[in-house]
Each structure stands twice: as structure tokens, then as C-alpha cells.
């Protein structure tokens, strides 16, 4: 197998994370990815699986997002 083909053929592990934020859905995703990046290397993509939030006194107070993150396996 050539080096050119090796660069294209990736195998990914999928990790499910739940991020939260008081600001926004996007911030909840960013929080999940930022925290995971402290221990997981080579993260390449994410997909949002579920979005939910907490309502208090008629106001959205908290966003919670479940994301699947794909990262390449070493070796």
C-alpha cells in the first residue's frame, strides 16, 4: 500500500459526549469538544445526536447537547 492510500484510508473510533452551556447550543458543543481534547487525540468530526435544555420560570436556562465525536485510531 502506498503512502498516498494510507493517508486516505482512516479508521475512526466514535465517542459519545454530552456538553452543556448556559449560553447556547453551539457553546455546549464547543465545551464537550474542548474538554474531550484534553485526553483524546486526533478528533476529526462530530455530529449532533440530541439537543435538550432546562427551562426555569419560562426562560431557557441551560442547553445540553449529545454529540458523537470521531477520532482516528493510532497505529
N, C-alpha and C. Protein backbone atom coordinates (compact mmCIF):
# COMPACT_ATOMS: atom_id res chain seq x y z
N UNK A 1 0.85 -1.19 0.00
CA UNK A 1 0.00 0.00 0.00
C UNK A 1 0.89 1.24 0.00
N UNK A 2 0.57 2.17 -0.84
CA UNK A 2 1.38 3.38 -0.93
C UNK A 2 1.01 4.36 0.17
N UNK A 3 1.92 5.30 0.42
CA UNK A 3 1.66 6.33 1.44
C UNK A 3 0.44 7.17 1.06
N UNK A 4 0.22 7.37 -0.23
CA UNK A 4 -0.93 8.15 -0.68
C UNK A 4 -2.23 7.47 -0.24
N UNK A 5 -2.33 6.15 -0.41
CA UNK A 5 -3.53 5.41 0.02
C UNK A 5 -3.66 5.38 1.53
N UNK A 6 -2.56 5.26 2.26
CA UNK A 6 -2.60 5.22 3.72
C UNK A 6 -3.20 6.49 4.29
N UNK A 7 -2.93 7.62 3.67
CA UNK A 7 -3.44 8.90 4.16
C UNK A 7 -4.95 9.00 3.96
N UNK A 8 -5.50 8.30 2.98
CA UNK A 8 -6.92 8.38 2.68
C UNK A 8 -7.76 7.38 3.48
N UNK A 9 -7.19 6.25 3.84
CA UNK A 9 -7.93 5.17 4.49
C UNK A 9 -7.84 5.29 6.00
N UNK A 10 -8.84 5.93 6.60
CA UNK A 10 -8.85 6.12 8.05
C UNK A 10 -9.86 5.18 8.69
N UNK A 11 -9.54 4.76 9.89
CA UNK A 11 -10.48 4.02 10.72
C UNK A 11 -10.75 4.90 11.93
N UNK A 12 -12.03 5.10 12.22
CA UNK A 12 -12.42 6.01 13.29
C UNK A 12 -13.04 5.27 14.46
N UNK A 13 -12.78 5.73 15.63
CA UNK A 13 -13.48 5.32 16.84
C UNK A 13 -14.49 6.41 17.13
N UNK A 14 -15.69 6.04 17.58
CA UNK A 14 -16.72 7.03 17.88
C UNK A 14 -16.95 7.07 19.38
N UNK A 15 -16.95 8.29 19.89
CA UNK A 15 -17.14 8.54 21.31
C UNK A 15 -18.37 9.43 21.47
N UNK A 16 -19.23 9.11 22.41
CA UNK A 16 -20.41 9.94 22.64
C UNK A 16 -20.17 10.81 23.87
N UNK A 17 -20.43 12.11 23.70
CA UNK A 17 -20.21 13.10 24.76
C UNK A 17 -21.48 13.91 24.97
N UNK A 18 -21.63 14.46 26.16
CA UNK A 18 -22.71 15.39 26.44
C UNK A 18 -22.07 16.68 26.95
N UNK A 19 -22.29 17.76 26.22
CA UNK A 19 -21.78 19.07 26.62
C UNK A 19 -22.93 19.94 27.10
N UNK A 20 -22.62 20.89 27.97
CA UNK A 20 -23.65 21.79 28.46
C UNK A 20 -23.14 23.22 28.48
N UNK A 21 -24.10 24.15 28.46
CA UNK A 21 -23.76 25.56 28.48
C UNK A 21 -24.98 26.37 28.89
N UNK A 22 -24.75 27.47 29.54
CA UNK A 22 -25.83 28.42 29.84
C UNK A 22 -26.01 29.41 28.70
N UNK A 23 -25.07 29.43 27.73
CA UNK A 23 -25.09 30.43 26.65
C UNK A 23 -25.85 29.98 25.41
N UNK A 24 -25.46 28.79 24.85
CA UNK A 24 -26.03 28.39 23.57
C UNK A 24 -25.75 26.92 23.28
N UNK A 25 -26.43 26.41 22.26
CA UNK A 25 -26.20 25.05 21.78
C UNK A 25 -24.77 24.93 21.25
N UNK A 26 -24.35 25.92 20.47
CA UNK A 26 -23.00 25.91 19.91
C UNK A 26 -21.94 25.88 21.01
N UNK A 27 -22.16 26.63 22.06
CA UNK A 27 -21.23 26.66 23.17
C UNK A 27 -21.20 25.32 23.89
N UNK A 28 -22.34 24.65 23.99
CA UNK A 28 -22.39 23.32 24.60
C UNK A 28 -21.56 22.32 23.80
N UNK A 29 -21.65 22.39 22.47
CA UNK A 29 -20.82 21.52 21.60
C UNK A 29 -19.35 21.85 21.81
N UNK A 30 -19.02 23.13 21.79
CA UNK A 30 -17.64 23.56 21.97
C UNK A 30 -17.08 23.09 23.31
N UNK A 31 -17.88 23.17 24.36
CA UNK A 31 -17.45 22.72 25.69
C UNK A 31 -17.15 21.23 25.70
N UNK A 32 -18.00 20.44 25.06
CA UNK A 32 -17.78 18.99 25.01
C UNK A 32 -16.49 18.66 24.25
N UNK A 33 -16.30 19.29 23.10
CA UNK A 33 -15.11 19.03 22.28
C UNK A 33 -13.84 19.51 22.98
N UNK A 34 -13.90 20.69 23.57
CA UNK A 34 -12.72 21.24 24.27
C UNK A 34 -12.30 20.35 25.43
N UNK A 35 -13.27 19.88 26.19
CA UNK A 35 -12.94 19.02 27.34
C UNK A 35 -12.37 17.69 26.88
N UNK A 36 -12.98 17.09 25.86
CA UNK A 36 -12.50 15.80 25.34
C UNK A 36 -11.11 15.92 24.75
N UNK A 37 -10.79 17.08 24.17
CA UNK A 37 -9.48 17.25 23.53
C UNK A 37 -8.33 17.21 24.55
N UNK A 38 -8.64 17.31 25.82
CA UNK A 38 -7.59 17.21 26.85
C UNK A 38 -7.07 15.79 26.99
N UNK A 39 -7.89 14.79 26.61
CA UNK A 39 -7.46 13.40 26.75
C UNK A 39 -7.57 12.58 25.46
N UNK A 40 -8.28 13.09 24.45
CA UNK A 40 -8.46 12.37 23.19
C UNK A 40 -7.72 13.11 22.09
N UNK A 41 -6.86 12.38 21.37
CA UNK A 41 -6.11 12.98 20.26
C UNK A 41 -6.79 12.67 18.93
N UNK A 42 -6.48 13.48 17.95
CA UNK A 42 -6.88 13.25 16.55
C UNK A 42 -8.39 13.21 16.33
N UNK A 43 -9.14 14.05 17.06
CA UNK A 43 -10.57 14.15 16.78
C UNK A 43 -10.74 14.82 15.41
N UNK A 44 -11.63 14.29 14.60
CA UNK A 44 -11.77 14.76 13.22
C UNK A 44 -13.15 15.32 12.89
N UNK A 45 -14.21 14.85 13.54
CA UNK A 45 -15.56 15.30 13.19
C UNK A 45 -16.49 15.08 14.36
N UNK A 46 -17.65 15.72 14.28
CA UNK A 46 -18.70 15.48 15.27
C UNK A 46 -20.05 15.53 14.59
N UNK A 47 -21.04 14.90 15.22
CA UNK A 47 -22.42 15.01 14.78
C UNK A 47 -23.29 15.21 16.01
N UNK A 48 -24.27 16.08 15.89
CA UNK A 48 -25.19 16.32 16.99
C UNK A 48 -26.25 15.23 16.96
N UNK A 49 -26.40 14.53 18.08
CA UNK A 49 -27.33 13.42 18.18
C UNK A 49 -28.62 13.86 18.86
N UNK A 50 -28.49 14.68 19.88
CA UNK A 50 -29.66 15.11 20.64
C UNK A 50 -29.42 16.49 21.23
N UNK A 51 -30.47 17.28 21.28
CA UNK A 51 -30.40 18.60 21.89
C UNK A 51 -31.56 18.73 22.87
N UNK A 52 -31.25 19.22 24.05
CA UNK A 52 -32.29 19.46 25.03
C UNK A 52 -31.88 20.62 25.92
N UNK A 53 -32.78 21.07 26.76
CA UNK A 53 -32.45 22.19 27.62
C UNK A 53 -33.30 22.19 28.88
N UNK A 54 -32.97 23.12 29.72
CA UNK A 54 -33.64 23.28 31.01
C UNK A 54 -34.36 24.62 31.00
N UNK A 55 -35.64 24.60 31.38
CA UNK A 55 -36.45 25.82 31.44
C UNK A 55 -36.74 26.14 32.89
N UNK A 56 -36.55 27.41 33.22
CA UNK A 56 -36.83 27.87 34.58
C UNK A 56 -37.57 29.19 34.50
N UNK A 57 -38.72 29.27 35.13
CA UNK A 57 -39.55 30.48 35.13
C UNK A 57 -39.83 30.99 33.71
N UNK A 58 -40.11 30.06 32.80
CA UNK A 58 -40.45 30.43 31.44
C UNK A 58 -39.29 30.87 30.58
N UNK A 59 -38.05 30.67 31.04
CA UNK A 59 -36.85 31.09 30.31
C UNK A 59 -35.90 29.91 30.15
N UNK A 60 -35.29 29.81 28.98
CA UNK A 60 -34.27 28.78 28.77
C UNK A 60 -33.05 29.13 29.62
N UNK A 61 -32.66 28.23 30.49
CA UNK A 61 -31.55 28.48 31.40
C UNK A 61 -30.29 27.68 31.08
N UNK A 62 -30.48 26.55 30.40
CA UNK A 62 -29.34 25.67 30.22
C UNK A 62 -29.55 24.84 28.95
N UNK A 63 -28.50 24.70 28.14
CA UNK A 63 -28.54 23.88 26.94
C UNK A 63 -27.69 22.64 27.17
N UNK A 64 -28.16 21.50 26.67
CA UNK A 64 -27.40 20.26 26.79
C UNK A 64 -27.45 19.57 25.43
N UNK A 65 -26.29 19.19 24.92
CA UNK A 65 -26.19 18.61 23.59
C UNK A 65 -25.39 17.31 23.66
N UNK A 66 -25.96 16.26 23.08
CA UNK A 66 -25.23 15.00 22.95
C UNK A 66 -24.60 14.98 21.57
N UNK A 67 -23.29 14.74 21.52
CA UNK A 67 -22.57 14.70 20.25
C UNK A 67 -21.78 13.40 20.15
N UNK A 68 -21.67 12.90 18.94
CA UNK A 68 -20.76 11.80 18.66
C UNK A 68 -19.54 12.41 18.01
N UNK A 69 -18.38 12.05 18.52
CA UNK A 69 -17.12 12.58 18.02
C UNK A 69 -16.32 11.41 17.43
N UNK A 70 -15.81 11.60 16.22
CA UNK A 70 -14.98 10.58 15.59
C UNK A 70 -13.51 10.99 15.69
N UNK A 71 -12.68 10.02 16.07
CA UNK A 71 -11.24 10.27 16.08
C UNK A 71 -10.52 9.09 15.48
N UNK A 72 -9.36 9.35 14.87
CA UNK A 72 -8.62 8.29 14.20
C UNK A 72 -7.86 7.44 15.21
N UNK A 73 -7.81 6.17 14.90
CA UNK A 73 -7.08 5.22 15.75
C UNK A 73 -5.60 5.29 15.41
N UNK A 74 -4.78 5.16 16.42
CA UNK A 74 -3.32 5.16 16.21
C UNK A 74 -2.86 3.80 15.78
N UNK A 75 -1.74 3.80 15.07
CA UNK A 75 -1.11 2.53 14.72
C UNK A 75 -1.50 2.08 13.41
